[in-house]
């Protein structure tokens, strides 16, 4: 995994058994767990910092979509009285 620290390129990921879609979904979910509520500009800034390789850039919309999916909570809010019980 040390390769991924120094080289976030599609070829490197493929060599260790990762595909772009899975990589984007997992990375986006991780970012969402840390930073919920990012706007598109902030999210793209994070994406391009994480994936500077030109080969990864076409995956930016997939990353954003996966982030939005990961940070959209479809659960009902817990009432204070129910939480205290």
PDB file of N, CA and C in Angstrom:
ATOM      1  N   UNK A   1       0.800  -1.201   0.000  1.00  0.00           N
ATOM      2  CA  UNK A   1       0.000   0.000   0.000  1.00  0.00           C
ATOM      3  C   UNK A   1       0.846   1.269   0.000  1.00  0.00           C
ATOM      4  N   UNK A   2       2.131   1.148   0.255  1.00  0.00           N
ATOM      5  CA  UNK A   2       2.992   2.321   0.214  1.00  0.00           C
ATOM      6  C   UNK A   2       2.987   2.967  -1.162  1.00  0.00           C
ATOM      7  N   UNK A   3       2.735   2.184  -2.201  1.00  0.00           N
ATOM      8  CA  UNK A   3       2.666   2.738  -3.552  1.00  0.00           C
ATOM      9  C   UNK A   3       1.577   3.793  -3.666  1.00  0.00           C
ATOM     10  N   UNK A   4       0.448   3.569  -3.004  1.00  0.00           N
ATOM     11  CA  UNK A   4      -0.675   4.498  -3.122  1.00  0.00           C
ATOM     12  C   UNK A   4      -0.404   5.825  -2.431  1.00  0.00           C
ATOM     13  N   UNK A   5       0.475   5.820  -1.459  1.00  0.00           N
ATOM     14  CA  UNK A   5       0.804   7.063  -0.776  1.00  0.00           C
ATOM     15  C   UNK A   5       1.550   7.995  -1.709  1.00  0.00           C
ATOM     16  N   UNK A   6       2.441   7.457  -2.531  1.00  0.00           N
ATOM     17  CA  UNK A   6       3.257   8.290  -3.401  1.00  0.00           C
ATOM     18  C   UNK A   6       2.688   8.419  -4.814  1.00  0.00           C
ATOM     19  N   UNK A   7       1.846   7.492  -5.241  1.00  0.00           N
ATOM     20  CA  UNK A   7       1.349   7.523  -6.609  1.00  0.00           C
ATOM     21  C   UNK A   7      -0.130   7.166  -6.663  1.00  0.00           C
ATOM     22  N   UNK A   8      -0.994   8.130  -6.751  1.00  0.00           N
ATOM     23  CA  UNK A   8      -2.412   7.871  -6.970  1.00  0.00           C
ATOM     24  C   UNK A   8      -2.672   7.980  -8.459  1.00  0.00           C
ATOM     25  N   UNK A   9      -2.379   6.913  -9.164  1.00  0.00           N
ATOM     26  CA  UNK A   9      -2.580   6.853 -10.603  1.00  0.00           C
ATOM     27  C   UNK A   9      -3.371   5.591 -10.905  1.00  0.00           C
ATOM     28  N   UNK A  10      -4.189   5.616 -11.941  1.00  0.00           N
ATOM     29  CA  UNK A  10      -4.986   4.426 -12.260  1.00  0.00           C
ATOM     30  C   UNK A  10      -4.150   3.168 -12.428  1.00  0.00           C
ATOM     31  N   UNK A  11      -2.977   3.286 -13.047  1.00  0.00           N
ATOM     32  CA  UNK A  11      -2.132   2.109 -13.260  1.00  0.00           C
ATOM     33  C   UNK A  11      -1.686   1.508 -11.938  1.00  0.00           C
ATOM     34  N   UNK A  12      -1.329   2.338 -11.000  1.00  0.00           N
ATOM     35  CA  UNK A  12      -0.884   1.862  -9.698  1.00  0.00           C
ATOM     36  C   UNK A  12      -2.018   1.152  -8.986  1.00  0.00           C
ATOM     37  N   UNK A  13      -3.181   1.745  -9.002  1.00  0.00           N
ATOM     38  CA  UNK A  13      -4.339   1.146  -8.337  1.00  0.00           C
ATOM     39  C   UNK A  13      -4.692  -0.193  -8.967  1.00  0.00           C
ATOM     40  N   UNK A  14      -4.694  -0.246 -10.285  1.00  0.00           N
ATOM     41  CA  UNK A  14      -5.007  -1.499 -10.978  1.00  0.00           C
ATOM     42  C   UNK A  14      -3.995  -2.584 -10.643  1.00  0.00           C
ATOM     43  N   UNK A  15      -2.736  -2.207 -10.473  1.00  0.00           N
ATOM     44  CA  UNK A  15      -1.690  -3.177 -10.149  1.00  0.00           C
ATOM     45  C   UNK A  15      -1.877  -3.809  -8.773  1.00  0.00           C
ATOM     46  N   UNK A  16      -2.547  -3.121  -7.869  1.00  0.00           N
ATOM     47  CA  UNK A  16      -2.794  -3.685  -6.539  1.00  0.00           C
ATOM     48  C   UNK A  16      -4.227  -4.183  -6.394  1.00  0.00           C
ATOM     49  N   UNK A  17      -4.947  -4.271  -7.506  1.00  0.00           N
ATOM     50  CA  UNK A  17      -6.268  -4.886  -7.501  1.00  0.00           C
ATOM     51  C   UNK A  17      -7.445  -3.967  -7.257  1.00  0.00           C
ATOM     52  N   UNK A  18      -7.248  -2.670  -7.354  1.00  0.00           N
ATOM     53  CA  UNK A  18      -8.364  -1.733  -7.181  1.00  0.00           C
ATOM     54  C   UNK A  18      -8.877  -1.269  -8.529  1.00  0.00           C
ATOM     55  N   UNK A  19     -10.183  -1.086  -8.633  1.00  0.00           N
ATOM     56  CA  UNK A  19     -10.729  -0.474  -9.840  1.00  0.00           C
ATOM     57  C   UNK A  19     -11.167   0.947  -9.490  1.00  0.00           C
ATOM     58  N   UNK A  20     -11.280   1.801 -10.483  1.00  0.00           N
ATOM     59  CA  UNK A  20     -11.553   3.223 -10.252  1.00  0.00           C
ATOM     60  C   UNK A  20     -12.873   3.454  -9.520  1.00  0.00           C
ATOM     61  N   UNK A  21     -13.914   2.754  -9.911  1.00  0.00           N
ATOM     62  CA  UNK A  21     -15.221   2.954  -9.285  1.00  0.00           C
ATOM     63  C   UNK A  21     -15.207   2.633  -7.809  1.00  0.00           C
ATOM     64  N   UNK A  22     -14.625   1.506  -7.446  1.00  0.00           N
ATOM     65  CA  UNK A  22     -14.548   1.116  -6.044  1.00  0.00           C
ATOM     66  C   UNK A  22     -13.687   2.096  -5.263  1.00  0.00           C
ATOM     67  N   UNK A  23     -12.574   2.482  -5.851  1.00  0.00           N
ATOM     68  CA  UNK A  23     -11.678   3.442  -5.215  1.00  0.00           C
ATOM     69  C   UNK A  23     -12.410   4.757  -4.920  1.00  0.00           C
ATOM     70  N   UNK A  24     -13.137   5.267  -5.916  1.00  0.00           N
ATOM     71  CA  UNK A  24     -13.850   6.537  -5.754  1.00  0.00           C
ATOM     72  C   UNK A  24     -14.930   6.429  -4.680  1.00  0.00           C
ATOM     73  N   UNK A  25     -15.703   5.357  -4.699  1.00  0.00           N
ATOM     74  CA  UNK A  25     -16.781   5.202  -3.715  1.00  0.00           C
ATOM     75  C   UNK A  25     -16.232   5.110  -2.299  1.00  0.00           C
ATOM     76  N   UNK A  26     -15.178   4.342  -2.121  1.00  0.00           N
ATOM     77  CA  UNK A  26     -14.608   4.193  -0.773  1.00  0.00           C
ATOM     78  C   UNK A  26     -13.953   5.484  -0.291  1.00  0.00           C
ATOM     79  N   UNK A  27     -13.229   6.144  -1.181  1.00  0.00           N
ATOM     80  CA  UNK A  27     -12.583   7.409  -0.797  1.00  0.00           C
ATOM     81  C   UNK A  27     -13.635   8.470  -0.487  1.00  0.00           C
ATOM     82  N   UNK A  28     -14.682   8.545  -1.297  1.00  0.00           N
ATOM     83  CA  UNK A  28     -15.742   9.532  -1.076  1.00  0.00           C
ATOM     84  C   UNK A  28     -16.465   9.267   0.240  1.00  0.00           C
ATOM     85  N   UNK A  29     -16.717   8.007   0.551  1.00  0.00           N
ATOM     86  CA  UNK A  29     -17.364   7.673   1.817  1.00  0.00           C
ATOM     87  C   UNK A  29     -16.476   8.057   2.996  1.00  0.00           C
ATOM     88  N   UNK A  30     -15.174   7.856   2.862  1.00  0.00           N
ATOM     89  CA  UNK A  30     -14.238   8.236   3.927  1.00  0.00           C
ATOM     90  C   UNK A  30     -14.218   9.749   4.116  1.00  0.00           C
ATOM     91  N   UNK A  31     -14.182  10.487   3.008  1.00  0.00           N
ATOM     92  CA  UNK A  31     -14.205  11.950   3.098  1.00  0.00           C
ATOM     93  C   UNK A  31     -15.524  12.397   3.732  1.00  0.00           C
ATOM     94  N   UNK A  32     -16.623  11.768   3.337  1.00  0.00           N
ATOM     95  CA  UNK A  32     -17.926  12.117   3.896  1.00  0.00           C
ATOM     96  C   UNK A  32     -18.018  11.867   5.391  1.00  0.00           C
ATOM     97  N   UNK A  33     -17.354  10.825   5.866  1.00  0.00           N
ATOM     98  CA  UNK A  33     -17.363  10.534   7.299  1.00  0.00           C
ATOM     99  C   UNK A  33     -16.607  11.588   8.093  1.00  0.00           C
ATOM    100  N   UNK A  34     -15.643  12.222   7.444  1.00  0.00           N
ATOM    101  CA  UNK A  34     -14.823  13.237   8.113  1.00  0.00           C
ATOM    102  C   UNK A  34     -15.380  14.633   7.912  1.00  0.00           C
ATOM    103  N   UNK A  35     -15.829  14.926   6.692  1.00  0.00           N
ATOM    104  CA  UNK A  35     -16.245  16.284   6.312  1.00  0.00           C
ATOM    105  C   UNK A  35     -17.621  16.255   5.656  1.00  0.00           C
ATOM    106  N   UNK A  36     -18.658  16.267   6.436  1.00  0.00           N
ATOM    107  CA  UNK A  36     -20.013  16.291   5.897  1.00  0.00           C
ATOM    108  C   UNK A  36     -20.377  17.725   5.512  1.00  0.00           C
ATOM    109  N   UNK A  37     -21.137  17.877   4.445  1.00  0.00           N
ATOM    110  CA  UNK A  37     -21.656  19.190   4.073  1.00  0.00           C
ATOM    111  C   UNK A  37     -20.756  20.029   3.191  1.00  0.00           C
ATOM    112  N   UNK A  38     -19.803  19.415   2.503  1.00  0.00           N
ATOM    113  CA  UNK A  38     -18.932  20.184   1.606  1.00  0.00           C
ATOM    114  C   UNK A  38     -19.703  20.644   0.369  1.00  0.00           C
ATOM    115  N   UNK A  39     -19.400  21.845  -0.098  1.00  0.00           N
ATOM    116  CA  UNK A  39     -19.975  22.280  -1.371  1.00  0.00           C
ATOM    117  C   UNK A  39     -19.133  21.686  -2.499  1.00  0.00           C
ATOM    118  N   UNK A  40     -19.619  21.814  -3.725  1.00  0.00           N
ATOM    119  CA  UNK A  40     -18.928  21.205  -4.874  1.00  0.00           C
ATOM    120  C   UNK A  40     -17.501  21.694  -5.024  1.00  0.00           C
ATOM    121  N   UNK A  41     -17.293  22.987  -4.828  1.00  0.00           N
ATOM    122  CA  UNK A  41     -15.951  23.540  -4.983  1.00  0.00           C
ATOM    123  C   UNK A  41     -14.983  22.949  -3.962  1.00  0.00           C
ATOM    124  N   UNK A  42     -15.385  22.872  -2.717  1.00  0.00           N
ATOM    125  CA  UNK A  42     -14.535  22.292  -1.682  1.00  0.00           C
ATOM    126  C   UNK A  42     -14.281  20.820  -1.912  1.00  0.00           C
ATOM    127  N   UNK A  43     -15.301  20.129  -2.351  1.00  0.00           N
ATOM    128  CA  UNK A  43     -15.169  18.704  -2.617  1.00  0.00           C
ATOM    129  C   UNK A  43     -14.206  18.446  -3.767  1.00  0.00           C
ATOM    130  N   UNK A  44     -14.306  19.249  -4.812  1.00  0.00           N
ATOM    131  CA  UNK A  44     -13.396  19.068  -5.952  1.00  0.00           C
ATOM    132  C   UNK A  44     -11.961  19.413  -5.567  1.00  0.00           C
ATOM    133  N   UNK A  45     -11.797  20.365  -4.701  1.00  0.00           N
ATOM    134  CA  UNK A  45     -10.448  20.702  -4.237  1.00  0.00           C
ATOM    135  C   UNK A  45      -9.824  19.509  -3.512  1.00  0.00           C
ATOM    136  N   UNK A  46     -10.615  18.864  -2.664  1.00  0.00           N
ATOM    137  CA  UNK A  46     -10.131  17.675  -1.968  1.00  0.00           C
ATOM    138  C   UNK A  46      -9.823  16.570  -2.968  1.00  0.00           C
ATOM    139  N   UNK A  47     -10.716  16.367  -3.936  1.00  0.00           N
ATOM    140  CA  UNK A  47     -10.505  15.322  -4.935  1.00  0.00           C
ATOM    141  C   UNK A  47      -9.181  15.523  -5.662  1.00  0.00           C
ATOM    142  N   UNK A  48      -8.937  16.734  -6.145  1.00  0.00           N
ATOM    143  CA  UNK A  48      -7.716  16.974  -6.929  1.00  0.00           C
ATOM    144  C   UNK A  48      -6.456  16.931  -6.066  1.00  0.00           C
ATOM    145  N   UNK A  49      -6.585  17.184  -4.774  1.00  0.00           N
ATOM    146  CA  UNK A  49      -5.445  17.000  -3.866  1.00  0.00           C
ATOM    147  C   UNK A  49      -5.162  15.511  -3.675  1.00  0.00           C
ATOM    148  N   UNK A  50      -6.219  14.726  -3.552  1.00  0.00           N
ATOM    149  CA  UNK A  50      -6.065  13.288  -3.354  1.00  0.00           C
ATOM    150  C   UNK A  50      -5.626  12.573  -4.621  1.00  0.00           C
ATOM    151  N   UNK A  51      -6.110  13.050  -5.760  1.00  0.00           N
ATOM    152  CA  UNK A  51      -5.867  12.383  -7.045  1.00  0.00           C
ATOM    153  C   UNK A  51      -5.268  13.369  -8.051  1.00  0.00           C
ATOM    154  N   UNK A  52      -3.991  13.698  -7.922  1.00  0.00           N
ATOM    155  CA  UNK A  52      -3.380  14.664  -8.826  1.00  0.00           C
ATOM    156  C   UNK A  52      -3.116  14.122 -10.238  1.00  0.00           C
ATOM    157  N   UNK A  53      -3.166  12.813 -10.413  1.00  0.00           N
ATOM    158  CA  UNK A  53      -2.897  12.221 -11.720  1.00  0.00           C
ATOM    159  C   UNK A  53      -3.994  12.589 -12.726  1.00  0.00           C
ATOM    160  N   UNK A  54      -3.583  13.000 -13.913  1.00  0.00           N
ATOM    161  CA  UNK A  54      -4.535  13.311 -14.980  1.00  0.00           C
ATOM    162  C   UNK A  54      -5.423  12.106 -15.299  1.00  0.00           C
ATOM    163  N   UNK A  55      -4.903  10.912 -15.105  1.00  0.00           N
ATOM    164  CA  UNK A  55      -5.664   9.708 -15.382  1.00  0.00           C
ATOM    165  C   UNK A  55      -6.861   9.524 -14.458  1.00  0.00           C
ATOM    166  N   UNK A  56      -6.808  10.139 -13.290  1.00  0.00           N
ATOM    167  CA  UNK A  56      -7.907  10.034 -12.327  1.00  0.00           C
ATOM    168  C   UNK A  56      -8.954  11.128 -12.505  1.00  0.00           C
ATOM    169  N   UNK A  57      -8.606  12.212 -13.135  1.00  0.00           N
ATOM    170  CA  UNK A  57      -9.495  13.370 -13.228  1.00  0.00           C
ATOM    171  C   UNK A  57     -10.867  13.092 -13.828  1.00  0.00           C
ATOM    172  N   UNK A  58     -11.011  12.184 -14.809  1.00  0.00           N
ATOM    173  CA  UNK A  58     -12.358  11.899 -15.320  1.00  0.00           C
ATOM    174  C   UNK A  58     -13.293  11.292 -14.271  1.00  0.00           C
ATOM    175  N   UNK A  59     -12.744  10.823 -13.166  1.00  0.00           N
ATOM    176  CA  UNK A  59     -13.558  10.218 -12.115  1.00  0.00           C
ATOM    177  C   UNK A  59     -14.102  11.239 -11.118  1.00  0.00           C
ATOM    178  N   UNK A  60     -13.806  12.514 -11.301  1.00  0.00           N
ATOM    179  CA  UNK A  60     -14.272  13.547 -10.374  1.00  0.00           C
ATOM    180  C   UNK A  60     -15.789  13.538 -10.194  1.00  0.00           C
ATOM    181  N   UNK A  61     -16.593  13.441 -11.266  1.00  0.00           N
ATOM    182  CA  UNK A  61     -18.048  13.405 -11.063  1.00  0.00           C
ATOM    183  C   UNK A  61     -18.512  12.165 -10.292  1.00  0.00           C
ATOM    184  N   UNK A  62     -17.836  11.053 -10.483  1.00  0.00           N
ATOM    185  CA  UNK A  62     -18.173   9.830  -9.753  1.00  0.00           C
ATOM    186  C   UNK A  62     -17.875  10.031  -8.267  1.00  0.00           C
ATOM    187  N   UNK A  63     -16.743  10.660  -7.973  1.00  0.00           N
ATOM    188  CA  UNK A  63     -16.359  10.948  -6.596  1.00  0.00           C
ATOM    189  C   UNK A  63     -17.402  11.850  -5.936  1.00  0.00           C
ATOM    190  N   UNK A  64     -17.805  12.907  -6.649  1.00  0.00           N
ATOM    191  CA  UNK A  64     -18.793  13.830  -6.075  1.00  0.00           C
ATOM    192  C   UNK A  64     -20.131  13.131  -5.846  1.00  0.00           C
ATOM    193  N   UNK A  65     -20.560  12.347  -6.798  1.00  0.00           N
ATOM    194  CA  UNK A  65     -21.821  11.624  -6.656  1.00  0.00           C
ATOM    195  C   UNK A  65     -21.765  10.647  -5.481  1.00  0.00           C
ATOM    196  N   UNK A  66     -20.671   9.931  -5.358  1.00  0.00           N
ATOM    197  CA  UNK A  66     -20.511   8.974  -4.263  1.00  0.00           C
ATOM    198  C   UNK A  66     -20.462   9.692  -2.920  1.00  0.00           C
ATOM    199  N   UNK A  67     -19.833  10.862  -2.879  1.00  0.00           N
ATOM    200  CA  UNK A  67     -19.789  11.660  -1.649  1.00  0.00           C
ATOM    201  C   UNK A  67     -21.201  12.082  -1.249  1.00  0.00           C
ATOM    202  N   UNK A  68     -21.963  12.591  -2.207  1.00  0.00           N
ATOM    203  CA  UNK A  68     -23.336  13.032  -1.918  1.00  0.00           C
ATOM    204  C   UNK A  68     -24.175  11.860  -1.421  1.00  0.00           C
ATOM    205  N   UNK A  69     -23.994  10.708  -2.033  1.00  0.00           N
ATOM    206  CA  UNK A  69     -24.719   9.510  -1.625  1.00  0.00           C
ATOM    207  C   UNK A  69     -24.341   9.101  -0.198  1.00  0.00           C
ATOM    208  N   UNK A  70     -23.062   9.168   0.098  1.00  0.00           N
ATOM    209  CA  UNK A  70     -22.568   8.755   1.409  1.00  0.00           C
ATOM    210  C   UNK A  70     -22.968   9.712   2.523  1.00  0.00           C
ATOM    211  N   UNK A  71     -23.190  10.968   2.187  1.00  0.00           N
ATOM    212  CA  UNK A  71     -23.498  11.950   3.231  1.00  0.00           C
ATOM    213  C   UNK A  71     -24.974  12.278   3.320  1.00  0.00           C
ATOM    214  N   UNK A  72     -25.796  11.650   2.509  1.00  0.00           N
ATOM    215  CA  UNK A  72     -27.241  11.871   2.575  1.00  0.00           C
ATOM    216  C   UNK A  72     -27.830  10.858   3.529  1.00  0.00           C
ATOM    217  N   UNK A  73     -28.273  11.338   4.640  1.00  0.00           N
ATOM    218  CA  UNK A  73     -28.877  10.459   5.630  1.00  0.00           C
ATOM    219  C   UNK A  73     -30.381  10.413   5.396  1.00  0.00           C
ATOM    220  N   UNK A  74     -30.891   9.243   5.167  1.00  0.00           N
ATOM    221  CA  UNK A  74     -32.322   9.091   4.954  1.00  0.00           C
ATOM    222  C   UNK A  74     -32.986   8.527   6.204  1.00  0.00           C
ATOM    223  N   UNK A  75     -32.393   8.770   7.343  1.00  0.00           N
ATOM    224  CA  UNK A  75     -32.977   8.282   8.574  1.00  0.00           C
ATOM    225  C   UNK A  75     -33.829   9.382   9.216  1.00  0.00           C
ATOM    226  N   UNK A  76     -34.796   8.962  10.007  1.00  0.00           N
ATOM    227  CA  UNK A  76     -35.658   9.936  10.665  1.00  0.00           C
ATOM    228  C   UNK A  76     -34.947  10.485  11.881  1.00  0.00           C
ATOM    229  N   UNK A  77     -35.160  11.765  12.166  1.00  0.00           N
ATOM    230  CA  UNK A  77     -34.504  12.348  13.340  1.00  0.00           C
ATOM    231  C   UNK A  77     -35.011  11.682  14.625  1.00  0.00           C
ATOM    232  N   UNK A  78     -34.108  11.531  15.573  1.00  0.00           N
ATOM    233  CA  UNK A  78     -34.463  10.942  16.858  1.00  0.00           C
ATOM    234  C   UNK A  78     -34.949  12.050  17.772  1.00  0.00           C
ATOM    235  N   UNK A  79     -36.131  11.853  18.358  1.00  0.00           N
ATOM    236  CA  UNK A  79     -36.660  12.848  19.286  1.00  0.00           C
ATOM    237  C   UNK A  79     -35.881  12.779  20.593  1.00  0.00           C
ATOM    238  N   UNK A  80     -35.753  13.918  21.246  1.00  0.00           N
ATOM    239  CA  UNK A  80     -34.983  13.985  22.490  1.00  0.00           C
ATOM    240  C   UNK A  80     -35.551  13.044  23.535  1.00  0.00           C
ATOM    241  N   UNK A  81     -36.864  12.931  23.615  1.00  0.00           N
ATOM    242  CA  UNK A  81     -37.466  12.058  24.621  1.00  0.00           C
ATOM    243  C   UNK A  81     -37.177  10.588  24.315  1.00  0.00           C
ATOM    244  N   UNK A  82     -37.161  10.233  23.024  1.00  0.00           N
ATOM    245  CA  UNK A  82     -36.868   8.857  22.646  1.00  0.00           C
ATOM    246  C   UNK A  82     -35.386   8.542  22.879  1.00  0.00           C
ATOM    247  N   UNK A  83     -34.529   9.513  22.682  1.00  0.00           N
ATOM    248  CA  UNK A  83     -33.102   9.306  22.873  1.00  0.00           C
ATOM    249  C   UNK A  83     -32.779   9.138  24.359  1.00  0.00           C
ATOM    250  N   UNK A  84     -33.536   9.804  25.221  1.00  0.00           N
ATOM    251  CA  UNK A  84     -33.286   9.730  26.651  1.00  0.00           C
ATOM    252  C   UNK A  84     -33.770   8.404  27.245  1.00  0.00           C
ATOM    253  N   UNK A  85     -34.652   7.743  26.589  1.00  0.00           N
ATOM    254  CA  UNK A  85     -35.245   6.498  27.121  1.00  0.00           C
ATOM    255  C   UNK A  85     -34.335   5.337  27.093  1.00  0.00           C
TER     256      UNK A  85
END
